[in-house]
N, C-alpha and C. Protein backbone atom coordinates (compact mmCIF):
# COMPACT_ATOMS: atom_id res chain seq x y z
N MET A 1 32.53 48.79 0.45
CA MET A 1 32.60 47.30 0.48
C MET A 1 34.15 47.05 0.83
N ALA A 2 34.21 45.92 1.60
CA ALA A 2 35.71 45.57 1.97
C ALA A 2 36.32 44.72 0.80
N ASP A 3 37.62 45.06 0.64
CA ASP A 3 38.51 44.46 -0.36
C ASP A 3 38.99 43.06 0.28
N ASN A 4 38.47 41.99 -0.43
CA ASN A 4 38.90 40.54 0.01
C ASN A 4 40.04 40.13 -0.75
N SER A 5 40.58 40.78 -1.68
CA SER A 5 41.72 40.33 -2.47
C SER A 5 43.00 40.16 -1.64
N ALA A 6 43.04 41.01 -0.48
CA ALA A 6 44.21 40.99 0.20
C ALA A 6 44.24 39.90 1.45
N LYS A 7 43.03 39.43 1.51
CA LYS A 7 42.92 38.37 2.73
C LYS A 7 43.76 37.15 2.59
N ASP A 8 44.35 36.53 3.66
CA ASP A 8 45.06 35.30 3.56
C ASP A 8 44.09 34.26 3.18
N ASP A 9 44.08 33.67 2.09
CA ASP A 9 43.16 32.77 1.64
C ASP A 9 43.75 31.25 2.07
N LYS A 10 43.40 30.80 3.14
CA LYS A 10 43.88 29.35 3.31
C LYS A 10 43.06 28.21 2.88
N SER A 11 41.94 28.68 2.14
CA SER A 11 40.96 27.60 1.56
C SER A 11 41.69 27.00 0.33
N LYS A 12 42.84 27.57 -0.15
CA LYS A 12 43.65 26.99 -1.26
C LYS A 12 44.21 25.78 -0.81
N ASP A 13 44.39 25.44 0.56
CA ASP A 13 45.15 24.26 1.12
C ASP A 13 44.14 23.12 1.20
N LEU A 14 42.83 23.34 1.08
CA LEU A 14 41.75 22.33 1.34
C LEU A 14 41.53 21.68 0.06
N PRO A 15 41.27 20.31 0.15
CA PRO A 15 40.97 19.55 -0.95
C PRO A 15 39.69 19.93 -1.66
N LEU A 16 39.39 19.79 -2.89
CA LEU A 16 38.24 20.32 -3.45
C LEU A 16 37.11 19.30 -3.04
N GLY A 17 35.99 19.86 -2.61
CA GLY A 17 34.99 19.01 -2.11
C GLY A 17 34.23 18.25 -3.16
N GLY A 18 33.66 16.97 -2.64
CA GLY A 18 32.98 16.17 -3.50
C GLY A 18 33.99 15.34 -4.56
N VAL A 19 35.23 15.43 -4.36
CA VAL A 19 36.27 14.62 -4.95
C VAL A 19 36.81 13.39 -4.20
N VAL A 20 36.64 12.40 -4.69
CA VAL A 20 37.27 11.16 -4.21
C VAL A 20 38.81 10.99 -4.56
N SER A 21 39.60 11.38 -3.84
CA SER A 21 40.98 11.32 -4.29
C SER A 21 41.62 10.06 -4.39
N ASN A 22 41.08 9.10 -3.57
CA ASN A 22 41.60 7.78 -3.49
C ASN A 22 40.53 6.79 -3.43
N GLY A 23 40.12 6.47 -4.59
CA GLY A 23 38.97 5.49 -4.71
C GLY A 23 39.00 4.13 -4.18
N GLY A 24 38.03 3.42 -3.95
CA GLY A 24 38.28 2.04 -3.50
C GLY A 24 38.54 1.89 -1.99
N ASN A 25 38.11 2.85 -1.26
CA ASN A 25 38.55 2.96 0.31
C ASN A 25 37.40 2.77 1.18
N ALA A 26 36.27 2.50 0.68
CA ALA A 26 34.98 2.46 1.53
C ALA A 26 35.17 1.34 2.58
N ASP A 27 35.94 0.14 2.27
CA ASP A 27 36.00 -0.96 3.20
C ASP A 27 36.77 -0.28 4.34
N ASP A 28 37.43 0.61 4.29
CA ASP A 28 38.42 1.13 5.43
C ASP A 28 37.47 1.97 6.50
N TYR A 29 36.38 2.29 6.20
CA TYR A 29 35.52 3.12 7.12
C TYR A 29 34.25 2.20 7.54
N GLU A 30 34.37 1.95 8.93
CA GLU A 30 33.23 1.18 9.33
C GLU A 30 32.13 2.20 9.81
N THR A 31 30.87 2.02 9.05
CA THR A 31 29.91 2.91 9.31
C THR A 31 28.75 2.39 10.14
N GLY A 32 28.77 1.08 10.47
CA GLY A 32 27.75 0.21 11.19
C GLY A 32 27.48 0.94 12.65
N GLY A 33 28.46 1.79 13.12
CA GLY A 33 28.14 2.40 14.48
C GLY A 33 27.11 3.41 14.46
N TRP A 34 26.79 3.80 13.24
CA TRP A 34 25.60 4.98 13.08
C TRP A 34 24.36 4.22 13.30
N ARG A 35 24.25 2.96 13.34
CA ARG A 35 23.02 2.13 13.33
C ARG A 35 22.11 2.22 14.61
N LYS A 36 20.94 2.57 14.46
CA LYS A 36 19.94 2.50 15.59
C LYS A 36 19.21 1.11 15.61
N ASP A 37 18.77 0.78 14.33
CA ASP A 37 17.91 -0.41 14.17
C ASP A 37 18.78 -1.50 13.26
N MET A 38 18.85 -2.66 13.50
CA MET A 38 19.47 -3.59 12.74
C MET A 38 18.57 -4.76 11.98
N PRO A 39 18.96 -5.19 10.89
CA PRO A 39 18.18 -6.23 10.20
C PRO A 39 18.41 -7.60 10.85
N ILE A 40 17.28 -8.38 10.97
CA ILE A 40 17.21 -9.50 11.45
C ILE A 40 16.58 -10.51 10.40
N LEU A 41 17.38 -11.66 10.05
CA LEU A 41 16.99 -12.64 8.91
C LEU A 41 16.40 -13.83 9.55
N ASP A 42 15.22 -14.12 9.02
CA ASP A 42 14.53 -15.43 9.34
C ASP A 42 14.77 -16.26 8.22
N LYS A 43 15.91 -17.21 8.39
CA LYS A 43 16.22 -18.00 7.30
C LYS A 43 15.10 -18.94 6.93
N ASP A 44 14.26 -19.45 7.71
CA ASP A 44 13.24 -20.44 7.20
C ASP A 44 12.28 -19.66 6.25
N LYS A 45 12.11 -18.37 6.36
CA LYS A 45 11.12 -17.55 5.53
C LYS A 45 11.81 -17.29 4.18
N CYS A 46 13.25 -17.10 4.12
CA CYS A 46 13.93 -16.43 3.07
C CYS A 46 13.95 -17.38 1.90
N THR A 47 13.51 -16.90 0.71
CA THR A 47 13.46 -17.67 -0.51
C THR A 47 14.67 -17.32 -1.26
N ASN A 48 15.65 -16.60 -1.02
CA ASN A 48 16.81 -16.27 -1.72
C ASN A 48 16.60 -15.54 -2.94
N CYS A 49 15.48 -14.65 -3.01
CA CYS A 49 15.33 -13.93 -4.18
C CYS A 49 16.36 -12.90 -4.41
N LEU A 50 17.19 -12.60 -3.29
CA LEU A 50 18.26 -11.58 -3.46
C LEU A 50 17.87 -10.17 -3.85
N ILE A 51 16.51 -9.78 -3.71
CA ILE A 51 16.17 -8.38 -3.81
C ILE A 51 16.87 -7.57 -2.75
N CYS A 52 17.02 -7.94 -1.56
CA CYS A 52 17.83 -7.37 -0.53
C CYS A 52 19.19 -6.97 -1.03
N TRP A 53 19.71 -7.98 -1.60
CA TRP A 53 21.19 -7.73 -2.13
C TRP A 53 21.32 -6.70 -3.13
N VAL A 54 20.24 -6.59 -4.01
CA VAL A 54 20.24 -5.66 -5.12
C VAL A 54 20.06 -4.33 -4.53
N MET A 55 19.17 -4.25 -3.58
CA MET A 55 18.80 -2.93 -3.12
C MET A 55 19.58 -2.29 -2.03
N CYS A 56 20.40 -3.07 -1.33
CA CYS A 56 21.12 -2.55 -0.24
C CYS A 56 22.07 -1.52 -0.80
N PRO A 57 21.97 -0.40 -0.15
CA PRO A 57 22.98 0.82 -0.63
C PRO A 57 24.44 0.58 -0.26
N ASP A 58 24.59 -0.15 0.86
CA ASP A 58 25.87 -0.39 1.39
C ASP A 58 26.66 -1.60 1.26
N SER A 59 26.03 -2.42 0.44
CA SER A 59 26.55 -3.89 0.01
C SER A 59 26.76 -4.66 1.28
N CYS A 60 25.73 -4.69 2.15
CA CYS A 60 25.87 -5.51 3.43
C CYS A 60 25.27 -6.85 3.38
N ILE A 61 24.60 -7.34 2.31
CA ILE A 61 24.05 -8.51 2.25
C ILE A 61 25.21 -9.61 1.98
N ILE A 62 25.26 -10.62 2.67
CA ILE A 62 26.27 -11.66 2.38
C ILE A 62 25.62 -12.74 1.64
N VAL A 63 26.14 -13.11 0.42
CA VAL A 63 25.53 -14.16 -0.32
C VAL A 63 26.75 -15.09 -0.48
N GLU A 64 26.40 -16.40 -0.45
CA GLU A 64 27.18 -17.60 -0.79
C GLU A 64 26.52 -18.58 -1.46
N ASP A 65 26.98 -18.96 -2.61
CA ASP A 65 26.38 -19.93 -3.50
C ASP A 65 24.84 -19.65 -3.82
N GLY A 66 24.66 -18.34 -4.13
CA GLY A 66 23.31 -17.89 -4.54
C GLY A 66 22.36 -17.82 -3.36
N LYS A 67 22.83 -17.85 -2.19
CA LYS A 67 21.85 -17.76 -1.02
C LYS A 67 22.19 -16.75 -0.07
N MET A 68 21.22 -15.99 0.47
CA MET A 68 21.50 -14.89 1.30
C MET A 68 21.89 -15.64 2.69
N ILE A 69 22.95 -15.28 3.41
CA ILE A 69 23.13 -15.94 4.37
C ILE A 69 23.32 -15.04 5.69
N GLY A 70 23.38 -13.82 5.48
CA GLY A 70 23.35 -12.75 6.55
C GLY A 70 23.66 -11.42 6.18
N PHE A 71 24.28 -10.63 7.12
CA PHE A 71 24.47 -9.12 6.88
C PHE A 71 25.91 -9.00 7.47
N GLU A 72 26.56 -8.10 6.68
CA GLU A 72 27.88 -7.56 7.02
C GLU A 72 27.71 -6.35 7.99
N MET A 73 27.71 -6.51 9.15
CA MET A 73 27.32 -5.44 10.13
C MET A 73 28.34 -4.37 10.29
N ARG A 74 29.47 -4.50 9.78
CA ARG A 74 30.53 -3.33 9.90
C ARG A 74 30.00 -2.07 9.08
N HIS A 75 29.30 -2.36 7.94
CA HIS A 75 28.86 -1.21 7.27
C HIS A 75 27.50 -0.94 7.19
N CYS A 76 26.66 -1.91 7.74
CA CYS A 76 25.20 -1.70 7.77
C CYS A 76 24.68 -0.51 8.66
N LYS A 77 24.20 0.52 8.00
CA LYS A 77 23.58 1.64 8.80
C LYS A 77 22.30 1.59 9.28
N GLY A 78 21.61 0.36 9.10
CA GLY A 78 20.24 0.20 9.58
C GLY A 78 19.26 0.92 8.84
N CYS A 79 19.41 1.19 7.56
CA CYS A 79 18.49 1.97 7.02
C CYS A 79 17.01 1.25 6.73
N GLY A 80 17.15 -0.05 6.71
CA GLY A 80 15.80 -0.93 6.56
C GLY A 80 15.39 -1.06 5.17
N ILE A 81 16.22 -0.72 4.24
CA ILE A 81 15.79 -0.88 2.78
C ILE A 81 15.63 -2.42 2.46
N CYS A 82 16.57 -3.13 2.97
CA CYS A 82 16.37 -4.55 2.83
C CYS A 82 15.06 -5.07 3.50
N ALA A 83 14.69 -4.58 4.54
CA ALA A 83 13.31 -5.27 5.08
C ALA A 83 12.20 -4.81 4.30
N VAL A 84 12.22 -3.56 3.91
CA VAL A 84 11.16 -2.77 3.16
C VAL A 84 10.98 -3.61 1.71
N GLU A 85 12.25 -3.95 1.04
CA GLU A 85 12.17 -4.54 -0.22
C GLU A 85 11.89 -6.01 -0.25
N CYS A 86 12.10 -6.56 0.96
CA CYS A 86 11.80 -8.15 1.04
C CYS A 86 10.16 -8.21 0.65
N PRO A 87 9.94 -9.23 -0.28
CA PRO A 87 8.46 -9.19 -0.78
C PRO A 87 7.54 -9.41 0.44
N ASP A 88 6.39 -8.73 0.25
CA ASP A 88 5.43 -8.76 1.44
C ASP A 88 4.94 -10.10 1.82
N LYS A 89 4.91 -11.00 0.90
CA LYS A 89 4.40 -12.27 1.45
C LYS A 89 5.33 -13.14 2.01
N ILE A 90 6.65 -12.67 2.07
CA ILE A 90 7.64 -13.38 2.70
C ILE A 90 8.17 -12.70 3.97
N LYS A 91 8.61 -11.49 3.83
CA LYS A 91 9.17 -10.75 5.08
C LYS A 91 10.02 -11.37 5.89
N ALA A 92 11.04 -11.97 5.25
CA ALA A 92 12.12 -12.78 5.97
C ALA A 92 13.13 -11.71 6.67
N ILE A 93 12.95 -10.43 6.46
CA ILE A 93 13.81 -9.56 7.06
C ILE A 93 13.09 -8.48 7.88
N THR A 94 13.39 -8.29 9.06
CA THR A 94 12.68 -7.39 9.91
C THR A 94 13.79 -6.43 10.53
N MET A 95 13.39 -5.46 11.12
CA MET A 95 14.17 -4.46 11.80
C MET A 95 13.93 -4.50 13.29
N GLU A 96 15.05 -4.46 13.99
CA GLU A 96 14.86 -4.52 15.50
C GLU A 96 15.83 -3.53 16.05
N GLU A 97 15.46 -2.84 17.16
CA GLU A 97 16.33 -1.84 17.69
C GLU A 97 17.59 -2.50 18.27
N GLU A 98 18.78 -1.90 17.83
CA GLU A 98 20.12 -2.49 18.32
C GLU A 98 20.25 -2.37 19.85
N LYS A 99 20.76 -3.40 20.35
CA LYS A 99 20.98 -3.40 21.83
C LYS A 99 22.52 -3.44 22.03
N LYS A 100 23.10 -2.20 22.41
CA LYS A 100 24.58 -2.13 22.45
C LYS A 100 24.96 -2.28 23.93
């Protein structure tokens, strides 16, 4: 067996994985470019139940005065959870392929 104790261990210079060393920096990272599909809101169908707002993993639902007004597309990854969670009888949110 090889003796690994003498090897030059540069891994000590790397930060520990899974550690957020400077919290509160998510806004600095625009992840919307990962998106293939984008959410589309039909405001005429929306009842402002805000289930989409609760379920969105990226906090991309924009709410003003208790009403859903749109999406913050800089961080929306196009996961479609908002569309899936929009109540079946309403379906105010649909997903469409993004045209770049």
